[in-house]
């Protein structure tokens, strides 16, 4: 497997289960239409560690492992 260790991938998939709410911290893409702070819902984590997310602005752009950053929103934190 390229890029991500299997144990780390397993942890990512466990932490970012489908339905988990996340907030975008940083996206390393100058053309993205997703503002920092946007809320999304995790769809799935793929074999490269990309967190595929349905964002509240209608985008479904993934959060790329090692390039972009999002944080999990714990229950009670959601606006």
PDB file of N, CA and C in Angstrom:
ATOM      1  N   UNK A   1       0.852  -1.185   0.000  1.00  0.00           N
ATOM      2  CA  UNK A   1       0.000   0.000   0.000  1.00  0.00           C
ATOM      3  C   UNK A   1       0.889   1.236   0.000  1.00  0.00           C
ATOM      4  N   UNK A   2       0.541   2.215  -0.795  1.00  0.00           N
ATOM      5  CA  UNK A   2       1.308   3.454  -0.875  1.00  0.00           C
ATOM      6  C   UNK A   2       0.741   4.525   0.038  1.00  0.00           C
ATOM      7  N   UNK A   3       1.645   5.282   0.680  1.00  0.00           N
ATOM      8  CA  UNK A   3       1.249   6.491   1.369  1.00  0.00           C
ATOM      9  C   UNK A   3       0.846   6.405   2.819  1.00  0.00           C
ATOM     10  N   UNK A   4       0.102   5.422   3.223  1.00  0.00           N
ATOM     11  CA  UNK A   4      -0.407   5.385   4.592  1.00  0.00           C
ATOM     12  C   UNK A   4      -0.294   3.964   5.147  1.00  0.00           C
ATOM     13  N   UNK A   5       0.191   3.879   6.344  1.00  0.00           N
ATOM     14  CA  UNK A   5       0.358   2.585   7.017  1.00  0.00           C
ATOM     15  C   UNK A   5      -1.014   1.993   7.319  1.00  0.00           C
ATOM     16  N   UNK A   6      -1.137   0.704   7.185  1.00  0.00           N
ATOM     17  CA  UNK A   6      -2.437   0.039   7.355  1.00  0.00           C
ATOM     18  C   UNK A   6      -3.047   0.268   8.739  1.00  0.00           C
ATOM     19  N   UNK A   7      -2.223   0.334   9.775  1.00  0.00           N
ATOM     20  CA  UNK A   7      -2.753   0.553  11.124  1.00  0.00           C
ATOM     21  C   UNK A   7      -3.315   1.970  11.261  1.00  0.00           C
ATOM     22  N   UNK A   8      -2.626   2.950  10.676  1.00  0.00           N
ATOM     23  CA  UNK A   8      -3.120   4.324  10.705  1.00  0.00           C
ATOM     24  C   UNK A   8      -4.425   4.440   9.913  1.00  0.00           C
ATOM     25  N   UNK A   9      -4.490   3.774   8.774  1.00  0.00           N
ATOM     26  CA  UNK A   9      -5.719   3.770   7.979  1.00  0.00           C
ATOM     27  C   UNK A   9      -6.877   3.185   8.790  1.00  0.00           C
ATOM     28  N   UNK A  10      -6.613   2.113   9.483  1.00  0.00           N
ATOM     29  CA  UNK A  10      -7.636   1.486  10.326  1.00  0.00           C
ATOM     30  C   UNK A  10      -8.133   2.474  11.389  1.00  0.00           C
ATOM     31  N   UNK A  11      -7.212   3.214  12.007  1.00  0.00           N
ATOM     32  CA  UNK A  11      -7.580   4.193  13.025  1.00  0.00           C
ATOM     33  C   UNK A  11      -8.409   5.332  12.436  1.00  0.00           C
ATOM     34  N   UNK A  12      -8.010   5.805  11.249  1.00  0.00           N
ATOM     35  CA  UNK A  12      -8.776   6.863  10.586  1.00  0.00           C
ATOM     36  C   UNK A  12     -10.206   6.410  10.307  1.00  0.00           C
ATOM     37  N   UNK A  13     -10.341   5.186   9.796  1.00  0.00           N
ATOM     38  CA  UNK A  13     -11.670   4.665   9.474  1.00  0.00           C
ATOM     39  C   UNK A  13     -12.529   4.494  10.718  1.00  0.00           C
ATOM     40  N   UNK A  14     -11.904   4.170  11.828  1.00  0.00           N
ATOM     41  CA  UNK A  14     -12.640   4.013  13.085  1.00  0.00           C
ATOM     42  C   UNK A  14     -13.052   5.388  13.651  1.00  0.00           C
ATOM     43  N   UNK A  15     -12.152   6.357  13.544  1.00  0.00           N
ATOM     44  CA  UNK A  15     -12.400   7.692  14.103  1.00  0.00           C
ATOM     45  C   UNK A  15     -13.400   8.481  13.259  1.00  0.00           C
ATOM     46  N   UNK A  16     -13.261   8.394  11.936  1.00  0.00           N
ATOM     47  CA  UNK A  16     -14.123   9.127  11.004  1.00  0.00           C
ATOM     48  C   UNK A  16     -15.114   8.177  10.343  1.00  0.00           C
ATOM     49  N   UNK A  17     -15.984   7.603  11.145  1.00  0.00           N
ATOM     50  CA  UNK A  17     -17.016   6.698  10.632  1.00  0.00           C
ATOM     51  C   UNK A  17     -18.029   7.485   9.814  1.00  0.00           C
ATOM     52  N   UNK A  18     -18.697   6.825   8.865  1.00  0.00           N
ATOM     53  CA  UNK A  18     -19.756   7.500   8.119  1.00  0.00           C
ATOM     54  C   UNK A  18     -20.771   8.128   9.073  1.00  0.00           C
ATOM     55  N   UNK A  19     -21.141   9.379   8.762  1.00  0.00           N
ATOM     56  CA  UNK A  19     -22.090  10.108   9.605  1.00  0.00           C
ATOM     57  C   UNK A  19     -21.435  11.040  10.606  1.00  0.00           C
ATOM     58  N   UNK A  20     -20.118  10.896  10.813  1.00  0.00           N
ATOM     59  CA  UNK A  20     -19.396  11.767  11.738  1.00  0.00           C
ATOM     60  C   UNK A  20     -19.410  13.194  11.206  1.00  0.00           C
ATOM     61  N   UNK A  21     -19.669  14.163  12.065  1.00  0.00           N
ATOM     62  CA  UNK A  21     -19.636  15.576  11.693  1.00  0.00           C
ATOM     63  C   UNK A  21     -18.205  16.089  11.838  1.00  0.00           C
ATOM     64  N   UNK A  22     -17.772  16.878  10.850  1.00  0.00           N
ATOM     65  CA  UNK A  22     -16.434  17.463  10.861  1.00  0.00           C
ATOM     66  C   UNK A  22     -16.509  18.938  10.487  1.00  0.00           C
ATOM     67  N   UNK A  23     -15.462  19.673  10.868  1.00  0.00           N
ATOM     68  CA  UNK A  23     -15.317  21.084  10.508  1.00  0.00           C
ATOM     69  C   UNK A  23     -14.002  21.228   9.738  1.00  0.00           C
ATOM     70  N   UNK A  24     -14.029  21.899   8.602  1.00  0.00           N
ATOM     71  CA  UNK A  24     -12.831  22.107   7.794  1.00  0.00           C
ATOM     72  C   UNK A  24     -11.905  23.104   8.473  1.00  0.00           C
ATOM     73  N   UNK A  25     -10.633  22.709   8.629  1.00  0.00           N
ATOM     74  CA  UNK A  25      -9.611  23.573   9.215  1.00  0.00           C
ATOM     75  C   UNK A  25      -8.751  24.175   8.109  1.00  0.00           C
ATOM     76  N   UNK A  26      -8.369  23.354   7.138  1.00  0.00           N
ATOM     77  CA  UNK A  26      -7.487  23.800   6.053  1.00  0.00           C
ATOM     78  C   UNK A  26      -7.643  22.870   4.866  1.00  0.00           C
ATOM     79  N   UNK A  27      -7.701  23.448   3.676  1.00  0.00           N
ATOM     80  CA  UNK A  27      -7.687  22.644   2.460  1.00  0.00           C
ATOM     81  C   UNK A  27      -6.614  23.220   1.555  1.00  0.00           C
ATOM     82  N   UNK A  28      -5.653  22.392   1.177  1.00  0.00           N
ATOM     83  CA  UNK A  28      -4.513  22.796   0.369  1.00  0.00           C
ATOM     84  C   UNK A  28      -4.889  22.763  -1.112  1.00  0.00           C
ATOM     85  N   UNK A  29      -5.900  23.535  -1.471  1.00  0.00           N
ATOM     86  CA  UNK A  29      -6.398  23.597  -2.843  1.00  0.00           C
ATOM     87  C   UNK A  29      -6.842  25.028  -3.107  1.00  0.00           C
ATOM     88  N   UNK A  30      -6.075  25.781  -3.899  1.00  0.00           N
ATOM     89  CA  UNK A  30      -6.409  27.191  -4.118  1.00  0.00           C
ATOM     90  C   UNK A  30      -7.729  27.400  -4.868  1.00  0.00           C
ATOM     91  N   UNK A  31      -8.270  26.354  -5.469  1.00  0.00           N
ATOM     92  CA  UNK A  31      -9.490  26.478  -6.261  1.00  0.00           C
ATOM     93  C   UNK A  31     -10.745  25.974  -5.545  1.00  0.00           C
ATOM     94  N   UNK A  32     -10.581  25.537  -4.310  1.00  0.00           N
ATOM     95  CA  UNK A  32     -11.735  25.001  -3.593  1.00  0.00           C
ATOM     96  C   UNK A  32     -12.768  26.085  -3.315  1.00  0.00           C
ATOM     97  N   UNK A  33     -14.001  25.684  -3.281  1.00  0.00           N
ATOM     98  CA  UNK A  33     -15.109  26.582  -2.965  1.00  0.00           C
ATOM     99  C   UNK A  33     -15.635  26.310  -1.552  1.00  0.00           C
ATOM    100  N   UNK A  34     -14.818  25.635  -0.746  1.00  0.00           N
ATOM    101  CA  UNK A  34     -15.234  25.285   0.612  1.00  0.00           C
ATOM    102  C   UNK A  34     -14.481  26.178   1.598  1.00  0.00           C
ATOM    103  N   UNK A  35     -15.163  27.112   2.241  1.00  0.00           N
ATOM    104  CA  UNK A  35     -14.490  27.995   3.192  1.00  0.00           C
ATOM    105  C   UNK A  35     -14.071  27.259   4.474  1.00  0.00           C
ATOM    106  N   UNK A  36     -12.984  27.721   5.055  1.00  0.00           N
ATOM    107  CA  UNK A  36     -12.549  27.217   6.357  1.00  0.00           C
ATOM    108  C   UNK A  36     -13.708  27.386   7.334  1.00  0.00           C
ATOM    109  N   UNK A  37     -13.929  26.381   8.173  1.00  0.00           N
ATOM    110  CA  UNK A  37     -15.004  26.424   9.160  1.00  0.00           C
ATOM    111  C   UNK A  37     -16.284  25.743   8.696  1.00  0.00           C
ATOM    112  N   UNK A  38     -16.333  25.364   7.411  1.00  0.00           N
ATOM    113  CA  UNK A  38     -17.515  24.699   6.882  1.00  0.00           C
ATOM    114  C   UNK A  38     -17.712  23.351   7.566  1.00  0.00           C
ATOM    115  N   UNK A  39     -18.959  23.022   7.859  1.00  0.00           N
ATOM    116  CA  UNK A  39     -19.325  21.764   8.504  1.00  0.00           C
ATOM    117  C   UNK A  39     -19.650  20.735   7.427  1.00  0.00           C
ATOM    118  N   UNK A  40     -19.259  19.487   7.684  1.00  0.00           N
ATOM    119  CA  UNK A  40     -19.580  18.415   6.762  1.00  0.00           C
ATOM    120  C   UNK A  40     -19.891  17.129   7.495  1.00  0.00           C
ATOM    121  N   UNK A  41     -20.366  16.154   6.727  1.00  0.00           N
ATOM    122  CA  UNK A  41     -20.656  14.827   7.267  1.00  0.00           C
ATOM    123  C   UNK A  41     -19.843  13.807   6.484  1.00  0.00           C
ATOM    124  N   UNK A  42     -19.095  12.982   7.206  1.00  0.00           N
ATOM    125  CA  UNK A  42     -18.238  11.977   6.580  1.00  0.00           C
ATOM    126  C   UNK A  42     -19.097  10.940   5.853  1.00  0.00           C
ATOM    127  N   UNK A  43     -18.711  10.672   4.608  1.00  0.00           N
ATOM    128  CA  UNK A  43     -19.347   9.623   3.821  1.00  0.00           C
ATOM    129  C   UNK A  43     -18.589   8.313   3.998  1.00  0.00           C
ATOM    130  N   UNK A  44     -17.253   8.368   3.854  1.00  0.00           N
ATOM    131  CA  UNK A  44     -16.389   7.208   4.068  1.00  0.00           C
ATOM    132  C   UNK A  44     -14.938   7.651   3.991  1.00  0.00           C
ATOM    133  N   UNK A  45     -14.035   6.784   4.441  1.00  0.00           N
ATOM    134  CA  UNK A  45     -12.592   6.981   4.315  1.00  0.00           C
ATOM    135  C   UNK A  45     -12.104   5.933   3.334  1.00  0.00           C
ATOM    136  N   UNK A  46     -11.391   6.382   2.283  1.00  0.00           N
ATOM    137  CA  UNK A  46     -10.930   5.428   1.267  1.00  0.00           C
ATOM    138  C   UNK A  46      -9.583   4.806   1.643  1.00  0.00           C
ATOM    139  N   UNK A  47      -9.054   3.969   0.769  1.00  0.00           N
ATOM    140  CA  UNK A  47      -7.829   3.214   1.051  1.00  0.00           C
ATOM    141  C   UNK A  47      -6.575   4.076   1.101  1.00  0.00           C
ATOM    142  N   UNK A  48      -6.663   5.342   0.698  1.00  0.00           N
ATOM    143  CA  UNK A  48      -5.535   6.269   0.788  1.00  0.00           C
ATOM    144  C   UNK A  48      -5.645   7.185   1.999  1.00  0.00           C
ATOM    145  N   UNK A  49      -6.733   7.056   2.743  1.00  0.00           N
ATOM    146  CA  UNK A  49      -6.948   7.882   3.922  1.00  0.00           C
ATOM    147  C   UNK A  49      -7.693   9.173   3.644  1.00  0.00           C
ATOM    148  N   UNK A  50      -8.192   9.341   2.422  1.00  0.00           N
ATOM    149  CA  UNK A  50      -8.991  10.525   2.103  1.00  0.00           C
ATOM    150  C   UNK A  50     -10.348  10.406   2.780  1.00  0.00           C
ATOM    151  N   UNK A  51     -10.724  11.474   3.481  1.00  0.00           N
ATOM    152  CA  UNK A  51     -11.998  11.502   4.189  1.00  0.00           C
ATOM    153  C   UNK A  51     -13.026  12.136   3.250  1.00  0.00           C
ATOM    154  N   UNK A  52     -13.814  11.313   2.603  1.00  0.00           N
ATOM    155  CA  UNK A  52     -14.828  11.806   1.680  1.00  0.00           C
ATOM    156  C   UNK A  52     -15.990  12.366   2.490  1.00  0.00           C
ATOM    157  N   UNK A  53     -16.335  13.620   2.186  1.00  0.00           N
ATOM    158  CA  UNK A  53     -17.250  14.372   3.034  1.00  0.00           C
ATOM    159  C   UNK A  53     -18.307  15.096   2.210  1.00  0.00           C
ATOM    160  N   UNK A  54     -19.526  15.093   2.703  1.00  0.00           N
ATOM    161  CA  UNK A  54     -20.608  15.903   2.128  1.00  0.00           C
ATOM    162  C   UNK A  54     -20.646  17.200   2.935  1.00  0.00           C
ATOM    163  N   UNK A  55     -20.221  18.299   2.302  1.00  0.00           N
ATOM    164  CA  UNK A  55     -20.133  19.589   2.981  1.00  0.00           C
ATOM    165  C   UNK A  55     -21.467  20.321   2.944  1.00  0.00           C
ATOM    166  N   UNK A  56     -21.684  21.183   3.921  1.00  0.00           N
ATOM    167  CA  UNK A  56     -22.947  21.909   4.031  1.00  0.00           C
ATOM    168  C   UNK A  56     -23.180  22.879   2.870  1.00  0.00           C
ATOM    169  N   UNK A  57     -22.128  23.195   2.098  1.00  0.00           N
ATOM    170  CA  UNK A  57     -22.300  24.079   0.944  1.00  0.00           C
ATOM    171  C   UNK A  57     -22.608  23.302  -0.333  1.00  0.00           C
ATOM    172  N   UNK A  58     -22.815  21.982  -0.213  1.00  0.00           N
ATOM    173  CA  UNK A  58     -23.178  21.153  -1.360  1.00  0.00           C
ATOM    174  C   UNK A  58     -22.018  20.425  -2.013  1.00  0.00           C
ATOM    175  N   UNK A  59     -20.803  20.755  -1.665  1.00  0.00           N
ATOM    176  CA  UNK A  59     -19.630  20.085  -2.228  1.00  0.00           C
ATOM    177  C   UNK A  59     -19.436  18.712  -1.585  1.00  0.00           C
ATOM    178  N   UNK A  60     -18.771  17.821  -2.313  1.00  0.00           N
ATOM    179  CA  UNK A  60     -18.423  16.508  -1.754  1.00  0.00           C
ATOM    180  C   UNK A  60     -16.928  16.256  -1.898  1.00  0.00           C
ATOM    181  N   UNK A  61     -16.132  17.295  -1.857  1.00  0.00           N
ATOM    182  CA  UNK A  61     -14.686  17.178  -1.984  1.00  0.00           C
ATOM    183  C   UNK A  61     -14.100  16.498  -0.755  1.00  0.00           C
ATOM    184  N   UNK A  62     -13.161  15.556  -0.986  1.00  0.00           N
ATOM    185  CA  UNK A  62     -12.537  14.827   0.102  1.00  0.00           C
ATOM    186  C   UNK A  62     -11.418  15.598   0.775  1.00  0.00           C
ATOM    187  N   UNK A  63     -11.177  15.286   2.037  1.00  0.00           N
ATOM    188  CA  UNK A  63     -10.079  15.842   2.815  1.00  0.00           C
ATOM    189  C   UNK A  63      -8.910  14.874   2.652  1.00  0.00           C
ATOM    190  N   UNK A  64      -7.864  15.315   1.956  1.00  0.00           N
ATOM    191  CA  UNK A  64      -6.745  14.449   1.596  1.00  0.00           C
ATOM    192  C   UNK A  64      -5.789  14.293   2.774  1.00  0.00           C
ATOM    193  N   UNK A  65      -5.512  13.042   3.139  1.00  0.00           N
ATOM    194  CA  UNK A  65      -4.597  12.746   4.246  1.00  0.00           C
ATOM    195  C   UNK A  65      -3.227  13.362   3.972  1.00  0.00           C
ATOM    196  N   UNK A  66      -2.703  14.098   4.953  1.00  0.00           N
ATOM    197  CA  UNK A  66      -1.378  14.696   4.844  1.00  0.00           C
ATOM    198  C   UNK A  66      -1.337  16.019   4.098  1.00  0.00           C
ATOM    199  N   UNK A  67      -2.445  16.441   3.504  1.00  0.00           N
ATOM    200  CA  UNK A  67      -2.504  17.704   2.756  1.00  0.00           C
ATOM    201  C   UNK A  67      -3.525  18.669   3.352  1.00  0.00           C
ATOM    202  N   UNK A  68      -4.673  18.149   3.695  1.00  0.00           N
ATOM    203  CA  UNK A  68      -5.780  18.959   4.201  1.00  0.00           C
ATOM    204  C   UNK A  68      -6.028  18.612   5.666  1.00  0.00           C
ATOM    205  N   UNK A  69      -6.901  19.369   6.296  1.00  0.00           N
ATOM    206  CA  UNK A  69      -7.184  19.089   7.709  1.00  0.00           C
ATOM    207  C   UNK A  69      -8.635  19.401   8.054  1.00  0.00           C
ATOM    208  N   UNK A  70      -9.238  18.486   8.785  1.00  0.00           N
ATOM    209  CA  UNK A  70     -10.550  18.714   9.372  1.00  0.00           C
ATOM    210  C   UNK A  70     -10.505  18.179  10.793  1.00  0.00           C
ATOM    211  N   UNK A  71     -11.461  18.611  11.599  1.00  0.00           N
ATOM    212  CA  UNK A  71     -11.552  18.113  12.970  1.00  0.00           C
ATOM    213  C   UNK A  71     -12.940  17.546  13.194  1.00  0.00           C
ATOM    214  N   UNK A  72     -12.966  16.513  13.967  1.00  0.00           N
ATOM    215  CA  UNK A  72     -14.224  15.869  14.333  1.00  0.00           C
ATOM    216  C   UNK A  72     -14.987  16.771  15.285  1.00  0.00           C
ATOM    217  N   UNK A  73     -16.265  16.907  15.051  1.00  0.00           N
ATOM    218  CA  UNK A  73     -17.132  17.681  15.945  1.00  0.00           C
ATOM    219  C   UNK A  73     -17.786  16.690  16.903  1.00  0.00           C
ATOM    220  N   UNK A  74     -17.470  16.850  18.157  1.00  0.00           N
ATOM    221  CA  UNK A  74     -18.040  15.961  19.163  1.00  0.00           C
ATOM    222  C   UNK A  74     -19.500  16.346  19.392  1.00  0.00           C
ATOM    223  N   UNK A  75     -20.279  15.400  19.845  1.00  0.00           N
ATOM    224  CA  UNK A  75     -21.694  15.645  20.122  1.00  0.00           C
ATOM    225  C   UNK A  75     -21.821  16.803  21.093  1.00  0.00           C
ATOM    226  N   UNK A  76     -22.726  17.711  20.807  1.00  0.00           N
ATOM    227  CA  UNK A  76     -22.912  18.887  21.651  1.00  0.00           C
ATOM    228  C   UNK A  76     -22.177  20.115  21.127  1.00  0.00           C
ATOM    229  N   UNK A  77     -21.187  19.919  20.247  1.00  0.00           N
ATOM    230  CA  UNK A  77     -20.446  21.028  19.664  1.00  0.00           C
ATOM    231  C   UNK A  77     -21.104  21.559  18.404  1.00  0.00           C
ATOM    232  N   UNK A  78     -21.942  20.720  17.773  1.00  0.00           N
ATOM    233  CA  UNK A  78     -22.533  21.083  16.491  1.00  0.00           C
ATOM    234  C   UNK A  78     -23.433  22.289  16.645  1.00  0.00           C
ATOM    235  N   UNK A  79     -23.264  23.229  15.704  1.00  0.00           N
ATOM    236  CA  UNK A  79     -24.056  24.476  15.743  1.00  0.00           C
ATOM    237  C   UNK A  79     -25.451  24.231  15.238  1.00  0.00           C
TER     238      UNK A  79
END
